[in-house]
Amino acid sequence: MLRATSEDQINEQEHQVKDYSASKENDRHLFQDHVSQALAISVKERTFDMAVQKKMNTVDGISDFWAKKFISG
């Protein structure tokens, strides 16, 4: 009886260790996914900002072109 209890305790501890390991592995994957998503959002925002800046530069370039054209006659 005592031996069965000890084996049950060992089995329970092994099960808890496996559950804990699986939980930590899941946490690691969630963290990696979060970091990946944050980086992807950052890249999208930066790409958008660059596109807006390029568009503004184009508009400024056109404005400068027309201003020079009207000034020079």
N, C-alpha and C. Protein backbone atom coordinates (compact mmCIF):
# COMPACT_ATOMS: atom_id res chain seq x y z
N MET A 1 0.83 -1.20 0.00
CA MET A 1 0.00 0.00 0.00
C MET A 1 0.87 1.26 0.00
N LEU A 2 1.90 1.26 0.83
CA LEU A 2 2.78 2.41 0.90
C LEU A 2 3.50 2.60 -0.43
N ARG A 3 3.91 1.50 -1.03
CA ARG A 3 4.60 1.57 -2.32
C ARG A 3 3.68 2.12 -3.40
N ALA A 4 2.44 1.71 -3.41
CA ALA A 4 1.47 2.21 -4.39
C ALA A 4 1.28 3.70 -4.23
N THR A 5 1.22 4.17 -3.01
CA THR A 5 1.06 5.59 -2.75
C THR A 5 2.27 6.35 -3.26
N SER A 6 3.46 5.82 -3.02
CA SER A 6 4.69 6.47 -3.49
C SER A 6 4.71 6.53 -5.01
N GLU A 7 4.33 5.44 -5.65
CA GLU A 7 4.29 5.42 -7.12
C GLU A 7 3.25 6.41 -7.65
N ASP A 8 2.12 6.48 -6.97
CA ASP A 8 1.09 7.45 -7.37
C ASP A 8 1.60 8.87 -7.23
N GLN A 9 2.33 9.13 -6.13
CA GLN A 9 2.88 10.47 -5.93
C GLN A 9 3.92 10.79 -7.00
N ILE A 10 4.75 9.81 -7.32
CA ILE A 10 5.76 10.02 -8.37
C ILE A 10 5.08 10.29 -9.70
N ASN A 11 4.07 9.50 -10.03
CA ASN A 11 3.34 9.70 -11.28
C ASN A 11 2.68 11.07 -11.31
N GLU A 12 2.11 11.48 -10.18
CA GLU A 12 1.46 12.79 -10.11
C GLU A 12 2.48 13.91 -10.29
N GLN A 13 3.65 13.77 -9.66
CA GLN A 13 4.69 14.78 -9.80
C GLN A 13 5.19 14.85 -11.25
N GLU A 14 5.37 13.68 -11.87
CA GLU A 14 5.79 13.67 -13.28
C GLU A 14 4.75 14.35 -14.16
N HIS A 15 3.49 14.08 -13.87
CA HIS A 15 2.40 14.70 -14.63
C HIS A 15 2.42 16.22 -14.44
N GLN A 16 2.65 16.67 -13.20
CA GLN A 16 2.71 18.11 -12.93
C GLN A 16 3.88 18.76 -13.66
N VAL A 17 5.02 18.07 -13.67
CA VAL A 17 6.20 18.60 -14.37
C VAL A 17 5.91 18.72 -15.86
N LYS A 18 5.27 17.71 -16.44
CA LYS A 18 4.93 17.75 -17.87
C LYS A 18 3.96 18.90 -18.16
N ASP A 19 2.96 19.06 -17.29
CA ASP A 19 2.00 20.16 -17.46
C ASP A 19 2.70 21.51 -17.37
N TYR A 20 3.61 21.63 -16.40
CA TYR A 20 4.34 22.89 -16.21
C TYR A 20 5.21 23.17 -17.44
N SER A 21 5.89 22.14 -17.93
CA SER A 21 6.74 22.30 -19.12
C SER A 21 5.91 22.70 -20.34
N ALA A 22 4.77 22.06 -20.50
CA ALA A 22 3.89 22.39 -21.62
C ALA A 22 3.38 23.82 -21.49
N SER A 23 3.06 24.24 -20.28
CA SER A 23 2.59 25.60 -20.04
C SER A 23 3.68 26.61 -20.38
N LYS A 24 4.91 26.33 -19.96
CA LYS A 24 6.03 27.24 -20.26
C LYS A 24 6.29 27.30 -21.77
N GLU A 25 6.20 26.18 -22.44
CA GLU A 25 6.39 26.15 -23.89
C GLU A 25 5.31 26.96 -24.59
N ASN A 26 4.08 26.84 -24.11
CA ASN A 26 2.97 27.62 -24.67
C ASN A 26 3.20 29.11 -24.44
N ASP A 27 3.65 29.47 -23.24
CA ASP A 27 3.95 30.88 -22.94
C ASP A 27 5.03 31.41 -23.88
N ARG A 28 6.04 30.59 -24.13
CA ARG A 28 7.14 31.00 -25.01
C ARG A 28 6.61 31.27 -26.42
N HIS A 29 5.75 30.38 -26.91
CA HIS A 29 5.18 30.57 -28.25
C HIS A 29 4.30 31.82 -28.30
N LEU A 30 3.51 32.04 -27.26
CA LEU A 30 2.66 33.23 -27.22
C LEU A 30 3.51 34.49 -27.23
N PHE A 31 4.61 34.49 -26.47
CA PHE A 31 5.50 35.64 -26.43
C PHE A 31 6.12 35.87 -27.81
N GLN A 32 6.58 34.80 -28.44
CA GLN A 32 7.18 34.93 -29.78
C GLN A 32 6.15 35.47 -30.77
N ASP A 33 4.93 34.97 -30.69
CA ASP A 33 3.87 35.46 -31.58
C ASP A 33 3.60 36.94 -31.34
N HIS A 34 3.59 37.34 -30.07
CA HIS A 34 3.34 38.74 -29.72
C HIS A 34 4.45 39.63 -30.29
N VAL A 35 5.69 39.20 -30.12
CA VAL A 35 6.83 39.98 -30.63
C VAL A 35 6.76 40.06 -32.15
N SER A 36 6.44 38.95 -32.80
CA SER A 36 6.34 38.94 -34.26
C SER A 36 5.24 39.88 -34.74
N GLN A 37 4.11 39.87 -34.06
CA GLN A 37 3.01 40.76 -34.45
C GLN A 37 3.39 42.21 -34.22
N ALA A 38 4.07 42.50 -33.12
CA ALA A 38 4.49 43.87 -32.84
C ALA A 38 5.47 44.36 -33.90
N LEU A 39 6.39 43.50 -34.30
CA LEU A 39 7.35 43.89 -35.34
C LEU A 39 6.65 44.10 -36.68
N ALA A 40 5.70 43.23 -36.99
CA ALA A 40 4.96 43.37 -38.25
C ALA A 40 4.18 44.68 -38.27
N ILE A 41 3.56 45.03 -37.16
CA ILE A 41 2.82 46.29 -37.09
C ILE A 41 3.77 47.46 -37.24
N SER A 42 4.93 47.38 -36.59
CA SER A 42 5.93 48.45 -36.67
C SER A 42 6.39 48.64 -38.12
N VAL A 43 6.63 47.53 -38.81
CA VAL A 43 7.07 47.61 -40.21
C VAL A 43 5.97 48.22 -41.07
N LYS A 44 4.72 47.81 -40.84
CA LYS A 44 3.60 48.37 -41.61
C LYS A 44 3.47 49.87 -41.37
N GLU A 45 3.58 50.27 -40.11
CA GLU A 45 3.47 51.70 -39.79
C GLU A 45 4.60 52.49 -40.44
N ARG A 46 5.80 51.95 -40.38
CA ARG A 46 6.94 52.64 -40.97
C ARG A 46 6.80 52.73 -42.49
N THR A 47 6.35 51.64 -43.09
CA THR A 47 6.13 51.63 -44.54
C THR A 47 5.08 52.67 -44.92
N PHE A 48 4.00 52.72 -44.14
CA PHE A 48 2.95 53.71 -44.40
C PHE A 48 3.50 55.12 -44.25
N ASP A 49 4.26 55.36 -43.17
CA ASP A 49 4.85 56.69 -42.95
C ASP A 49 5.76 57.07 -44.11
N MET A 50 6.53 56.11 -44.61
CA MET A 50 7.43 56.40 -45.73
C MET A 50 6.62 56.71 -46.99
N ALA A 51 5.53 55.98 -47.19
CA ALA A 51 4.68 56.23 -48.36
C ALA A 51 4.05 57.62 -48.28
N VAL A 52 3.60 57.99 -47.09
CA VAL A 52 3.01 59.32 -46.91
C VAL A 52 4.07 60.39 -47.16
N GLN A 53 5.27 60.18 -46.61
CA GLN A 53 6.34 61.16 -46.80
C GLN A 53 6.69 61.28 -48.28
N LYS A 54 6.74 60.15 -48.98
CA LYS A 54 7.05 60.17 -50.42
C LYS A 54 5.96 60.94 -51.16
N LYS A 55 4.72 60.70 -50.79
CA LYS A 55 3.60 61.40 -51.43
C LYS A 55 3.71 62.91 -51.16
N MET A 56 4.05 63.27 -49.93
CA MET A 56 4.18 64.69 -49.59
C MET A 56 5.33 65.32 -50.38
N ASN A 57 6.43 64.58 -50.51
CA ASN A 57 7.56 65.09 -51.28
C ASN A 57 7.18 65.27 -52.74
N THR A 58 6.38 64.35 -53.26
CA THR A 58 5.93 64.45 -54.64
C THR A 58 5.05 65.69 -54.80
N VAL A 59 4.14 65.88 -53.86
CA VAL A 59 3.27 67.06 -53.91
C VAL A 59 4.12 68.32 -53.82
N ASP A 60 5.08 68.35 -52.90
CA ASP A 60 5.97 69.50 -52.79
C ASP A 60 6.76 69.70 -54.07
N GLY A 61 7.20 68.59 -54.66
CA GLY A 61 7.96 68.68 -55.92
C GLY A 61 7.12 69.28 -57.03
N ILE A 62 5.86 68.87 -57.12
CA ILE A 62 4.97 69.42 -58.13
C ILE A 62 4.72 70.90 -57.85
N SER A 63 4.50 71.24 -56.58
CA SER A 63 4.28 72.64 -56.22
C SER A 63 5.50 73.48 -56.59
N ASP A 64 6.69 72.97 -56.27
CA ASP A 64 7.92 73.69 -56.61
C ASP A 64 8.04 73.85 -58.12
N PHE A 65 7.71 72.80 -58.86
CA PHE A 65 7.80 72.84 -60.31
C PHE A 65 6.90 73.95 -60.87
N TRP A 66 5.64 73.97 -60.41
CA TRP A 66 4.71 74.97 -60.92
C TRP A 66 5.08 76.37 -60.47
N ALA A 67 5.57 76.49 -59.24
CA ALA A 67 5.99 77.81 -58.76
C ALA A 67 7.13 78.34 -59.62
N LYS A 68 8.11 77.50 -59.90
CA LYS A 68 9.24 77.92 -60.73
C LYS A 68 8.77 78.25 -62.15
N LYS A 69 7.84 77.44 -62.64
CA LYS A 69 7.34 77.66 -64.00
C LYS A 69 6.64 79.01 -64.10
N PHE A 70 5.80 79.32 -63.09
CA PHE A 70 5.09 80.60 -63.13
C PHE A 70 6.03 81.78 -62.90
N ILE A 71 7.02 81.59 -62.04
CA ILE A 71 7.96 82.68 -61.76
C ILE A 71 8.81 82.97 -63.00
N SER A 72 9.27 81.89 -63.65
CA SER A 72 10.15 82.07 -64.81
C SER A 72 9.35 82.48 -66.05
N GLY A 73 8.05 82.28 -65.98
CA GLY A 73 7.19 82.73 -67.06
C GLY A 73 7.02 81.70 -68.08
